[in-house]
């Protein structure tokens, strides 16, 4: 069965994570779609982390911590 991602165009949310603008939502949706084509299965936590990095709330090093659990 293919992985299903929760998208809500009206609320601008992906996996329950809300974006401020249509542009931010579309960029993240397209980026995740490309990654999913390669086998990535984005969780709500990962989408939130990517949004926080984009918003400057977290650093790219936080991805390593998230993935490696350090």
Protein backbone atom coordinates (compact mmCIF):
# COMPACT_ATOMS: atom_id res chain seq x y z
CA UNK A 1 0.00 0.00 0.00
CA UNK A 2 1.29 3.46 -0.90
CA UNK A 3 2.02 5.97 1.85
CA UNK A 4 -0.76 8.54 2.23
CA UNK A 5 0.03 12.12 3.18
CA UNK A 6 -2.59 14.37 4.75
CA UNK A 7 -2.96 17.57 2.70
CA UNK A 8 -5.50 20.30 3.36
CA UNK A 9 -5.41 23.04 0.73
CA UNK A 10 -7.98 25.21 2.53
CA UNK A 11 -6.17 25.16 5.88
CA UNK A 12 -2.73 25.17 4.23
CA UNK A 13 -1.70 22.15 6.29
CA UNK A 14 0.41 19.07 5.65
CA UNK A 15 0.20 16.17 8.12
CA UNK A 16 -1.65 18.58 10.41
CA UNK A 17 1.15 21.20 10.33
CA UNK A 18 -0.21 24.58 9.25
CA UNK A 19 1.68 26.99 7.01
CA UNK A 20 1.27 30.77 6.99
CA UNK A 21 1.10 31.35 3.24
CA UNK A 22 0.01 29.48 0.15
CA UNK A 23 3.55 29.89 -1.22
CA UNK A 24 5.16 28.22 1.84
CA UNK A 25 2.57 25.44 1.73
CA UNK A 26 3.13 24.80 -1.98
CA UNK A 27 6.92 24.79 -1.66
CA UNK A 28 6.80 22.27 1.20
CA UNK A 29 4.19 20.13 -0.55
CA UNK A 30 6.30 19.95 -3.72
CA UNK A 31 9.48 19.25 -1.78
CA UNK A 32 7.86 16.45 0.21
CA UNK A 33 6.29 15.03 -2.95
CA UNK A 34 9.69 14.78 -4.61
CA UNK A 35 11.16 13.12 -1.53
CA UNK A 36 8.22 10.71 -1.28
CA UNK A 37 8.87 9.66 -4.87
CA UNK A 38 12.27 8.47 -3.59
CA UNK A 39 10.69 6.58 -0.67
CA UNK A 40 10.55 9.19 2.12
CA UNK A 41 7.49 8.88 4.38
CA UNK A 42 7.05 12.23 6.17
CA UNK A 43 5.62 12.18 9.67
CA UNK A 44 3.93 15.11 11.36
CA UNK A 45 7.05 15.57 13.51
CA UNK A 46 9.32 15.71 10.46
CA UNK A 47 7.06 18.20 8.64
CA UNK A 48 7.03 20.36 11.79
CA UNK A 49 10.82 20.18 12.04
CA UNK A 50 11.26 21.20 8.39
CA UNK A 51 8.83 24.10 8.88
CA UNK A 52 10.67 25.21 12.03
CA UNK A 53 13.98 25.16 10.14
CA UNK A 54 12.43 27.22 7.35
CA UNK A 55 11.04 29.68 9.91
CA UNK A 56 14.44 29.99 11.63
CA UNK A 57 13.23 28.39 14.87
CA UNK A 58 15.58 25.40 14.54
CA UNK A 59 18.84 24.65 12.75
CA UNK A 60 19.69 22.07 10.14
CA UNK A 61 21.67 20.24 12.81
CA UNK A 62 18.32 19.48 14.46
CA UNK A 63 17.60 17.14 11.52
CA UNK A 64 20.61 15.02 12.52
CA UNK A 65 19.44 14.98 16.12
CA UNK A 66 15.94 13.98 14.98
CA UNK A 67 17.16 11.22 12.65
CA UNK A 68 20.01 9.88 14.79
CA UNK A 69 18.29 10.40 18.13
CA UNK A 70 21.32 12.04 19.76
